[in-house]
N, C-alpha and C. Protein backbone atom coordinates (compact mmCIF):
# COMPACT_ATOMS: atom_id res chain seq x y z
N MET A 1 74.77 92.20 110.51
CA MET A 1 75.24 91.46 109.57
C MET A 1 76.54 92.26 108.88
N PHE A 2 76.37 93.53 108.39
CA PHE A 2 77.47 94.26 108.07
C PHE A 2 77.94 95.17 108.75
N GLU A 3 79.41 95.55 108.81
CA GLU A 3 79.98 96.50 109.40
C GLU A 3 79.62 97.90 108.79
N ILE A 4 78.91 98.72 109.37
CA ILE A 4 78.65 100.08 108.60
C ILE A 4 79.28 101.24 109.34
N HIS A 5 79.99 101.84 108.39
CA HIS A 5 80.76 103.02 109.46
C HIS A 5 80.15 104.36 109.19
N SER A 6 78.92 104.68 109.86
CA SER A 6 78.32 105.80 109.95
C SER A 6 78.95 107.08 110.12
N SER A 7 79.96 107.22 110.77
CA SER A 7 81.04 108.10 110.97
C SER A 7 81.19 108.63 109.58
N LEU A 8 81.46 108.03 108.85
CA LEU A 8 82.17 108.59 107.38
C LEU A 8 81.06 108.89 106.63
N ARG A 9 79.71 108.88 107.05
CA ARG A 9 78.62 109.30 106.21
C ARG A 9 78.51 110.73 106.55
N GLN A 10 78.86 111.67 105.36
CA GLN A 10 78.75 113.18 105.66
C GLN A 10 77.60 113.54 104.78
N ALA A 11 77.31 114.71 105.11
CA ALA A 11 76.38 115.41 104.68
C ALA A 11 76.83 116.15 103.45
N PRO A 12 75.99 116.27 102.25
CA PRO A 12 76.56 117.11 101.20
C PRO A 12 76.97 118.31 101.70
N GLY A 13 78.07 118.96 100.71
CA GLY A 13 78.33 120.34 101.16
C GLY A 13 77.40 121.13 100.73
N GLU A 14 77.45 122.51 101.49
CA GLU A 14 76.44 123.59 101.16
C GLU A 14 76.38 123.75 99.72
N GLY A 15 75.46 123.66 98.98
CA GLY A 15 75.02 124.10 97.97
C GLY A 15 75.11 123.11 96.89
N HIS A 16 75.70 122.02 97.33
CA HIS A 16 75.97 120.39 96.61
C HIS A 16 74.50 119.97 95.77
N LYS A 17 74.61 119.63 94.68
CA LYS A 17 73.50 118.88 94.26
C LYS A 17 73.19 117.53 94.78
N ILE A 18 72.09 117.10 94.97
CA ILE A 18 71.79 115.67 95.22
C ILE A 18 70.88 115.03 94.17
N TYR A 19 71.29 113.88 93.83
CA TYR A 19 70.50 113.08 92.93
C TYR A 19 69.55 111.86 93.32
N PRO A 20 68.83 111.41 92.37
CA PRO A 20 67.83 110.38 93.26
C PRO A 20 68.62 109.01 93.12
N TYR A 21 67.80 107.97 94.02
CA TYR A 21 68.70 106.86 93.95
C TYR A 21 68.06 106.05 92.57
N LEU A 22 68.78 105.67 91.68
CA LEU A 22 68.19 105.23 90.37
C LEU A 22 68.41 103.53 90.20
N LEU A 23 68.67 103.12 91.74
CA LEU A 23 69.11 101.38 91.52
C LEU A 23 67.75 100.61 91.88
N LYS A 24 66.72 101.37 92.60
CA LYS A 24 65.68 100.56 93.14
C LYS A 24 65.03 99.68 92.01
N GLY A 25 64.87 98.58 92.17
CA GLY A 25 64.18 97.62 91.40
C GLY A 25 64.95 97.64 90.10
N LEU A 26 65.98 98.24 89.46
CA LEU A 26 66.81 98.03 88.22
C LEU A 26 67.60 96.64 88.32
N LYS A 27 67.03 96.04 87.45
CA LYS A 27 67.87 94.74 87.10
C LYS A 27 69.53 94.97 86.50
N ILE A 28 70.32 94.75 87.19
CA ILE A 28 71.70 94.84 86.73
C ILE A 28 72.23 93.56 86.53
N GLU A 29 72.27 93.64 84.97
CA GLU A 29 72.73 91.98 84.34
C GLU A 29 73.95 91.93 83.50
N ARG A 30 74.84 93.02 83.57
CA ARG A 30 76.02 93.16 82.74
C ARG A 30 76.98 94.40 83.53
N CYS A 31 78.16 93.89 83.02
CA CYS A 31 79.43 94.60 83.47
C CYS A 31 79.11 96.35 82.73
N ASN A 32 79.78 97.16 83.61
CA ASN A 32 79.68 98.60 83.17
C ASN A 32 78.38 99.13 83.22
N HIS A 33 77.13 98.53 83.59
CA HIS A 33 75.90 98.96 83.86
C HIS A 33 75.82 100.18 85.13
N VAL A 34 76.29 99.58 86.11
CA VAL A 34 76.57 100.36 87.38
C VAL A 34 77.90 100.35 88.09
N TRP A 35 78.27 101.27 88.24
CA TRP A 35 79.59 101.58 89.20
C TRP A 35 79.23 102.13 90.41
N CYS A 36 79.74 101.57 91.54
CA CYS A 36 79.57 102.22 92.77
C CYS A 36 81.02 102.68 93.40
N SER A 37 80.85 103.71 94.29
CA SER A 37 82.01 104.30 95.21
C SER A 37 81.52 104.41 96.48
N ASP A 38 82.51 104.50 97.33
CA ASP A 38 82.28 104.78 98.69
C ASP A 38 83.74 105.09 99.42
N ILE A 39 83.69 105.62 100.54
CA ILE A 39 84.84 105.81 101.35
C ILE A 39 84.91 105.33 102.69
N THR A 40 85.78 104.55 103.02
CA THR A 40 86.09 103.94 104.52
C THR A 40 87.24 104.46 105.08
N TYR A 41 87.39 104.37 106.42
CA TYR A 41 88.72 104.34 107.05
C TYR A 41 89.55 103.18 107.40
N ILE A 42 90.53 103.36 107.26
CA ILE A 42 91.66 102.24 107.39
C ILE A 42 92.52 102.51 108.79
N PRO A 43 92.38 101.69 109.75
CA PRO A 43 92.81 102.10 111.19
C PRO A 43 94.57 101.60 110.89
N MET A 44 95.37 102.61 111.53
CA MET A 44 96.71 102.30 111.35
C MET A 44 97.18 102.39 113.07
N ALA A 45 98.41 101.85 113.21
CA ALA A 45 99.02 101.88 114.78
C ALA A 45 98.82 103.48 115.22
N GLN A 46 98.88 104.36 114.49
CA GLN A 46 98.77 105.64 115.05
C GLN A 46 97.85 106.46 113.85
N GLY A 47 96.58 106.43 114.37
CA GLY A 47 95.60 107.29 113.60
C GLY A 47 94.92 106.42 112.56
N PHE A 48 94.64 106.77 111.39
CA PHE A 48 93.91 106.00 110.16
C PHE A 48 94.29 106.71 108.97
N VAL A 49 93.93 106.27 107.94
CA VAL A 49 93.77 106.91 106.50
C VAL A 49 92.23 106.55 106.13
N TYR A 50 92.02 107.37 104.91
CA TYR A 50 90.95 107.20 104.30
C TYR A 50 91.18 106.29 102.82
N LEU A 51 90.14 105.41 102.53
CA LEU A 51 90.09 104.54 101.33
C LEU A 51 88.94 104.97 100.68
N VAL A 52 89.16 104.89 99.46
CA VAL A 52 87.98 105.13 98.41
C VAL A 52 88.42 104.28 97.42
N ALA A 53 87.15 103.26 96.90
CA ALA A 53 87.36 102.31 95.81
C ALA A 53 86.06 102.96 94.90
N VAL A 54 86.03 102.19 93.67
CA VAL A 54 85.17 102.40 92.75
C VAL A 54 85.21 100.73 91.99
N MET A 55 84.01 100.25 92.20
CA MET A 55 83.47 99.07 92.00
C MET A 55 82.62 98.88 91.08
N ASP A 56 82.55 97.80 90.00
CA ASP A 56 81.51 97.57 89.13
C ASP A 56 80.46 96.52 89.77
N TRP A 57 79.37 97.13 89.78
CA TRP A 57 78.31 96.59 90.56
C TRP A 57 77.93 94.96 90.41
N PHE A 58 77.94 94.74 89.08
CA PHE A 58 77.47 93.37 88.52
C PHE A 58 78.58 92.38 88.90
N SER A 59 79.74 92.58 88.30
CA SER A 59 81.20 91.73 88.61
C SER A 59 81.60 91.77 89.97
N ARG A 60 81.64 92.87 90.90
CA ARG A 60 82.07 93.22 92.14
C ARG A 60 83.65 93.50 91.95
N PHE A 61 84.11 93.75 90.63
CA PHE A 61 85.37 93.95 90.29
C PHE A 61 85.63 95.45 90.64
N VAL A 62 86.78 95.58 91.57
CA VAL A 62 87.50 96.77 92.07
C VAL A 62 88.30 97.28 91.06
N LEU A 63 87.65 98.39 90.33
CA LEU A 63 88.23 99.03 89.01
C LEU A 63 89.36 99.97 89.60
N SER A 64 89.22 100.51 90.55
CA SER A 64 90.38 101.55 91.28
C SER A 64 90.05 101.74 92.64
N TRP A 65 91.14 102.37 93.11
CA TRP A 65 91.00 102.78 94.85
C TRP A 65 92.19 103.92 94.97
N ALA A 66 92.13 104.57 96.00
CA ALA A 66 93.05 105.58 96.35
C ALA A 66 93.13 105.69 97.85
N LEU A 67 94.23 106.11 98.61
CA LEU A 67 94.20 106.31 100.06
C LEU A 67 94.56 107.89 100.08
N SER A 68 94.09 108.31 101.06
CA SER A 68 94.17 110.01 101.31
C SER A 68 94.34 110.05 103.12
N LEU A 69 95.14 110.98 103.52
CA LEU A 69 95.14 111.47 104.85
C LEU A 69 94.14 112.39 105.23
N THR A 70 93.44 112.91 104.34
CA THR A 70 92.28 113.65 104.35
C THR A 70 91.17 113.32 103.62
N MET A 71 90.05 113.79 104.04
CA MET A 71 88.71 113.68 103.31
C MET A 71 88.32 114.49 101.99
N GLU A 72 89.48 115.40 101.63
CA GLU A 72 89.28 116.30 100.54
C GLU A 72 89.18 115.44 99.24
N VAL A 73 88.30 115.94 98.07
CA VAL A 73 87.92 115.57 97.06
C VAL A 73 88.88 114.88 95.93
N GLU A 74 90.21 115.19 96.11
CA GLU A 74 91.16 114.89 95.02
C GLU A 74 91.41 113.40 95.41
N PHE A 75 91.64 112.47 96.22
CA PHE A 75 91.74 111.12 95.95
C PHE A 75 90.39 110.36 95.53
N CYS A 76 89.25 111.10 95.74
CA CYS A 76 88.19 110.36 94.96
C CYS A 76 88.26 110.51 93.48
N LEU A 77 88.53 111.95 93.14
CA LEU A 77 88.76 112.10 91.70
C LEU A 77 89.79 111.32 91.22
N GLU A 78 90.84 111.17 91.70
CA GLU A 78 91.96 110.16 91.34
C GLU A 78 91.50 108.76 91.04
N ALA A 79 90.55 108.31 91.93
CA ALA A 79 90.14 106.77 91.73
C ALA A 79 89.28 106.95 90.69
N LEU A 80 88.42 107.86 90.62
CA LEU A 80 87.47 107.97 89.54
C LEU A 80 88.30 107.99 87.86
N GLY A 81 89.01 109.01 88.14
CA GLY A 81 89.75 108.89 86.77
C GLY A 81 90.50 107.81 86.27
N SER A 82 91.03 107.14 87.21
CA SER A 82 91.63 105.70 87.00
C SER A 82 90.73 104.70 86.34
N ALA A 83 89.65 104.73 87.14
CA ALA A 83 88.39 103.73 86.51
C ALA A 83 87.81 104.17 85.16
N LEU A 84 87.70 105.49 84.92
CA LEU A 84 87.36 105.82 83.57
C LEU A 84 88.48 105.85 82.46
N GLN A 85 89.60 105.34 82.72
CA GLN A 85 90.65 105.10 81.80
C GLN A 85 90.22 103.73 81.29
N GLN A 86 89.75 102.82 82.18
CA GLN A 86 89.36 101.62 81.74
C GLN A 86 88.07 101.16 80.82
N SER A 87 87.05 102.11 81.50
CA SER A 87 85.79 101.94 80.82
C SER A 87 84.91 102.81 81.31
N ARG A 88 83.69 102.96 81.16
CA ARG A 88 82.65 103.88 81.48
C ARG A 88 81.22 103.14 81.97
N PRO A 89 80.79 103.60 83.04
CA PRO A 89 79.61 102.99 83.22
C PRO A 89 78.22 103.89 82.83
N GLU A 90 77.19 103.07 82.77
CA GLU A 90 75.95 103.96 82.28
C GLU A 90 75.43 104.80 83.71
N ILE A 91 75.57 104.13 84.88
CA ILE A 91 75.33 104.59 85.93
C ILE A 91 76.30 104.62 87.07
N PHE A 92 76.35 105.83 87.82
CA PHE A 92 77.38 105.76 88.91
C PHE A 92 76.37 106.37 90.26
N ASN A 93 76.83 105.42 90.93
CA ASN A 93 76.05 105.34 92.63
C ASN A 93 77.04 105.58 93.69
N SER A 94 76.75 106.54 94.36
CA SER A 94 77.62 106.88 95.77
C SER A 94 76.70 107.28 96.61
N ASP A 95 77.26 107.53 97.99
CA ASP A 95 76.42 108.14 98.98
C ASP A 95 76.32 109.56 98.96
N GLN A 96 75.78 110.59 99.61
CA GLN A 96 75.61 111.98 99.62
C GLN A 96 76.83 112.52 100.08
N GLY A 97 77.90 112.13 100.35
CA GLY A 97 79.17 112.75 100.95
C GLY A 97 79.43 113.96 100.08
N SER A 98 80.28 114.71 100.95
CA SER A 98 80.46 116.28 100.12
C SER A 98 81.47 116.04 98.98
N GLN A 99 82.45 114.89 98.95
CA GLN A 99 83.31 114.39 97.99
C GLN A 99 82.31 114.15 96.76
N PHE A 100 81.46 113.41 96.75
CA PHE A 100 80.66 112.88 95.67
C PHE A 100 79.38 113.78 95.42
N THR A 101 79.21 114.76 95.92
CA THR A 101 78.27 115.84 95.61
C THR A 101 78.79 117.12 95.25
N SER A 102 80.40 117.17 95.32
CA SER A 102 81.08 118.40 94.88
C SER A 102 80.95 118.60 93.28
N GLU A 103 81.14 119.84 92.98
CA GLU A 103 80.87 120.30 91.67
C GLU A 103 82.15 119.47 90.52
N ARG A 104 83.24 119.42 91.15
CA ARG A 104 84.34 118.89 90.53
C ARG A 104 84.15 117.36 90.23
N PHE A 105 83.58 116.42 91.20
CA PHE A 105 83.23 115.19 90.98
C PHE A 105 82.12 114.94 90.08
N LEU A 106 80.73 115.51 90.29
CA LEU A 106 79.77 115.43 89.62
C LEU A 106 80.10 115.84 88.19
N GLY A 107 80.83 116.92 87.78
CA GLY A 107 81.40 117.57 86.57
C GLY A 107 81.94 116.42 85.71
N GLU A 108 82.88 115.69 86.44
CA GLU A 108 83.45 114.41 85.75
C GLU A 108 82.38 113.73 85.24
N LEU A 109 81.44 112.91 85.78
CA LEU A 109 80.46 112.44 85.35
C LEU A 109 79.58 112.75 84.32
N GLU A 110 79.25 113.93 84.62
CA GLU A 110 78.26 114.92 83.60
C GLU A 110 78.84 115.03 82.35
N ARG A 111 80.18 115.34 82.49
CA ARG A 111 80.71 115.56 81.02
C ARG A 111 80.77 114.05 80.06
N ARG A 112 80.72 113.30 80.75
CA ARG A 112 80.73 111.78 80.09
C ARG A 112 79.36 111.29 80.19
N GLN A 113 78.10 112.08 80.35
CA GLN A 113 76.90 111.70 80.31
C GLN A 113 76.73 110.19 81.22
N ILE A 114 77.09 109.83 82.21
CA ILE A 114 76.92 108.98 83.18
C ILE A 114 75.97 109.48 84.16
N ALA A 115 74.60 108.53 83.85
CA ALA A 115 73.68 109.06 85.16
C ALA A 115 74.18 108.93 86.45
N ILE A 116 73.66 109.95 87.20
CA ILE A 116 74.15 109.94 88.77
C ILE A 116 73.18 109.48 89.39
N SER A 117 73.42 108.41 90.38
CA SER A 117 72.68 107.97 91.50
C SER A 117 73.15 107.94 92.94
N MET A 118 72.27 108.36 93.90
CA MET A 118 72.84 108.68 95.07
C MET A 118 71.79 107.82 96.04
N ASP A 119 72.58 107.09 97.34
CA ASP A 119 71.78 106.44 98.06
C ASP A 119 71.16 107.45 98.94
N GLY A 120 70.00 106.94 99.49
CA GLY A 120 69.01 107.63 100.14
C GLY A 120 69.77 108.12 101.46
N ARG A 121 69.51 109.23 102.06
CA ARG A 121 70.13 109.76 103.45
C ARG A 121 70.27 108.74 104.18
N GLY A 122 71.34 108.04 104.87
CA GLY A 122 71.49 107.15 106.07
C GLY A 122 70.96 105.68 105.63
N ARG A 123 70.80 105.43 104.14
CA ARG A 123 70.53 104.09 103.49
C ARG A 123 72.05 103.38 103.31
N CYS A 124 72.83 102.95 103.95
CA CYS A 124 74.10 102.38 103.47
C CYS A 124 73.78 101.10 102.71
N LEU A 125 72.68 100.53 102.96
CA LEU A 125 72.40 99.21 102.29
C LEU A 125 72.14 99.45 100.75
N ASP A 126 71.87 100.70 100.51
CA ASP A 126 71.67 101.04 98.98
C ASP A 126 72.87 100.76 98.34
N ASN A 127 73.95 100.74 98.88
CA ASN A 127 75.42 100.56 98.19
C ASN A 127 75.97 99.13 98.88
N ILE A 128 75.14 98.11 99.13
CA ILE A 128 75.46 97.25 99.79
C ILE A 128 76.91 96.21 99.24
N PHE A 129 77.23 96.46 98.05
CA PHE A 129 78.23 95.57 97.55
C PHE A 129 79.53 95.99 97.85
N ILE A 130 79.68 97.38 97.84
CA ILE A 130 80.70 98.03 98.29
C ILE A 130 81.02 97.86 99.98
N GLU A 131 79.86 97.96 100.42
CA GLU A 131 79.81 97.82 102.03
C GLU A 131 80.48 96.55 102.39
N ARG A 132 79.99 95.51 101.58
CA ARG A 132 80.58 94.10 101.61
C ARG A 132 82.09 93.95 101.61
N LEU A 133 82.31 94.60 100.50
CA LEU A 133 83.98 95.01 100.10
C LEU A 133 84.75 95.35 101.22
N TRP A 134 84.08 96.44 101.74
CA TRP A 134 84.82 97.05 103.02
C TRP A 134 84.99 95.83 104.22
N ARG A 135 83.85 95.19 104.48
CA ARG A 135 83.96 94.28 105.45
C ARG A 135 84.89 93.01 105.26
N SER A 136 84.90 92.65 104.05
CA SER A 136 85.96 91.66 103.60
C SER A 136 87.39 92.21 103.74
N LEU A 137 87.50 93.32 103.05
CA LEU A 137 88.94 93.95 103.51
C LEU A 137 89.37 94.16 104.74
N LYS A 138 88.58 94.41 105.59
CA LYS A 138 88.89 94.41 107.02
C LYS A 138 89.19 93.25 107.89
N TYR A 139 88.13 92.40 107.56
CA TYR A 139 88.50 91.23 108.35
C TYR A 139 89.38 90.12 107.67
N GLU A 140 89.76 90.39 106.29
CA GLU A 140 90.74 89.43 105.72
C GLU A 140 92.13 89.93 105.64
N GLU A 141 92.40 91.27 105.79
CA GLU A 141 93.57 91.86 105.81
C GLU A 141 93.74 92.92 106.96
N VAL A 142 93.08 94.04 106.68
CA VAL A 142 93.58 94.97 107.67
C VAL A 142 93.38 94.83 109.19
N TYR A 143 92.44 93.93 109.74
CA TYR A 143 92.43 93.81 111.15
C TYR A 143 93.49 92.74 111.47
N LEU A 144 93.94 91.96 110.75
CA LEU A 144 95.10 91.04 110.69
C LEU A 144 96.45 91.75 110.97
N LYS A 145 96.53 93.02 110.64
CA LYS A 145 97.72 93.72 110.34
C LYS A 145 97.90 94.88 111.43
N GLU A 146 98.73 95.27 111.75
CA GLU A 146 98.82 96.73 112.30
C GLU A 146 99.62 97.72 111.57
N TYR A 147 99.17 98.28 110.45
CA TYR A 147 99.96 99.14 109.54
C TYR A 147 100.67 100.23 110.27
N GLN A 148 102.03 100.27 110.24
CA GLN A 148 102.84 101.40 110.80
C GLN A 148 102.84 102.44 109.96
N TRP A 149 102.98 102.62 108.71
CA TRP A 149 103.11 103.48 107.60
C TRP A 149 101.99 103.23 106.53
N VAL A 150 101.87 104.55 105.97
CA VAL A 150 100.74 104.67 104.86
C VAL A 150 101.35 103.58 103.98
N ARG A 151 102.37 103.73 103.35
CA ARG A 151 103.04 102.92 102.45
C ARG A 151 102.77 101.23 102.68
N GLU A 152 102.84 101.22 103.81
CA GLU A 152 102.54 99.48 104.41
C GLU A 152 101.28 99.30 104.00
N ALA A 153 100.11 100.16 104.69
CA ALA A 153 98.92 100.17 104.32
C ALA A 153 98.56 100.01 102.98
N HIS A 154 99.14 100.78 102.04
CA HIS A 154 98.91 100.89 100.58
C HIS A 154 99.25 99.43 100.00
N ARG A 155 100.52 98.88 100.38
CA ARG A 155 100.99 97.72 99.79
C ARG A 155 99.91 96.55 100.25
N GLY A 156 99.50 96.68 101.62
CA GLY A 156 98.68 95.66 101.90
C GLY A 156 97.20 95.50 101.25
N ILE A 157 96.57 96.72 101.15
CA ILE A 157 95.41 96.94 100.47
C ILE A 157 95.59 96.60 98.93
N GLU A 158 96.61 96.94 98.11
CA GLU A 158 96.96 96.74 96.88
C GLU A 158 97.14 95.06 96.75
N LYS A 159 97.67 94.50 97.58
CA LYS A 159 97.68 92.84 97.55
C LYS A 159 96.56 92.22 97.67
N TYR A 160 95.51 93.00 98.75
CA TYR A 160 94.45 92.18 98.81
C TYR A 160 93.46 92.45 97.73
N PHE A 161 93.40 93.73 97.16
CA PHE A 161 92.41 93.93 96.03
C PHE A 161 93.01 93.00 94.84
N GLN A 162 94.40 92.77 94.66
CA GLN A 162 94.65 91.85 93.56
C GLN A 162 93.92 90.27 93.92
N PHE A 163 94.14 89.98 95.10
CA PHE A 163 93.63 88.73 95.59
C PHE A 163 92.29 88.62 95.39
N TYR A 164 91.19 89.75 95.76
CA TYR A 164 89.92 89.76 95.66
C TYR A 164 89.47 89.97 94.12
N ASN A 165 90.26 90.36 93.44
CA ASN A 165 89.64 90.45 91.83
C ASN A 165 90.20 89.19 91.24
N TYR A 166 91.18 88.76 91.50
CA TYR A 166 91.63 87.54 90.44
C TYR A 166 91.78 86.18 91.12
N GLU A 167 91.36 85.96 92.38
CA GLU A 167 91.43 84.72 93.24
C GLU A 167 90.39 84.42 94.07
N ARG A 168 89.97 85.35 94.63
CA ARG A 168 88.72 85.19 95.49
C ARG A 168 87.36 84.62 95.01
N LEU A 169 87.00 83.38 95.22
CA LEU A 169 85.84 83.06 94.43
C LEU A 169 84.31 83.68 95.41
N HIS A 170 83.49 84.05 94.74
CA HIS A 170 82.41 84.78 95.21
C HIS A 170 80.94 83.80 94.94
N GLN A 171 80.75 83.42 95.93
CA GLN A 171 79.45 82.36 95.78
C GLN A 171 78.19 83.12 94.89
N SER A 172 78.16 84.43 95.16
CA SER A 172 76.94 85.14 94.23
C SER A 172 77.50 85.47 92.88
N LEU A 173 78.58 84.97 92.40
CA LEU A 173 79.12 85.11 91.31
C LEU A 173 79.33 83.71 90.70
N ASN A 174 78.73 82.47 91.12
CA ASN A 174 78.54 81.09 90.59
C ASN A 174 80.11 80.51 90.83
N TYR A 175 80.78 81.00 92.11
CA TYR A 175 81.94 80.60 92.34
C TYR A 175 83.16 80.99 91.20
N GLN A 176 82.72 82.23 90.63
CA GLN A 176 83.98 82.73 89.73
C GLN A 176 84.50 83.98 90.35
N THR A 177 85.59 84.60 89.99
CA THR A 177 86.23 85.72 90.43
C THR A 177 85.57 86.73 89.72
N PRO A 178 85.66 88.00 90.56
CA PRO A 178 85.17 89.29 89.84
C PRO A 178 86.01 89.47 88.32
N ALA A 179 87.30 89.22 88.41
CA ALA A 179 87.93 89.25 86.93
C ALA A 179 87.51 88.58 85.95
N ALA A 180 87.05 87.16 86.38
CA ALA A 180 86.48 86.40 85.21
C ALA A 180 85.14 86.95 84.83
N ILE A 181 84.28 87.39 85.74
CA ILE A 181 83.01 87.95 85.14
C ILE A 181 83.25 89.47 84.45
N TYR A 182 84.16 90.26 84.83
CA TYR A 182 84.46 91.52 84.47
C TYR A 182 85.27 91.47 83.00
N GLY A 183 85.61 90.43 82.91
CA GLY A 183 86.59 90.23 81.69
C GLY A 183 88.08 90.80 81.53
N ALA A 184 88.58 90.76 82.74
CA ALA A 184 89.87 91.56 83.13
C ALA A 184 91.02 90.78 83.15
């Protein structure tokens, strides 16, 4: 049903703290209640780049994103910082990858008193909305192109997220755009 990239599902780094999954049975009925984040890869003509996004769970609005040639934590911090300039969630959900369990990433959330939620190990469906985002992005944009350069991938993804947020109607949002629900 959904394309899941288990090869990106990394274990937490040694000594990294793991948090429980807080979303089970939780009714999410407003924007900025829960944000989620995940990393996927974007294939290129030669190799690939990594993409991280931060999304509002309720509206499906992509708050921020960043590309990187490596899986270091910096691009995740960049995306988080950009999202936090716009608003602040009550809960932040991610997988248990080393970027999201690093002291630097968790410290940013803890300083702002944001509750931290992490998917169960190997439970990609715990973060289903961002997995759906990856599927849509890849089938509606990435797989239709063969990016030669990182800047070309950046432009294509930027254009797609603009479309996704402001033009793409979502059946689950009563045929409204994420931006209309989020109020952007």
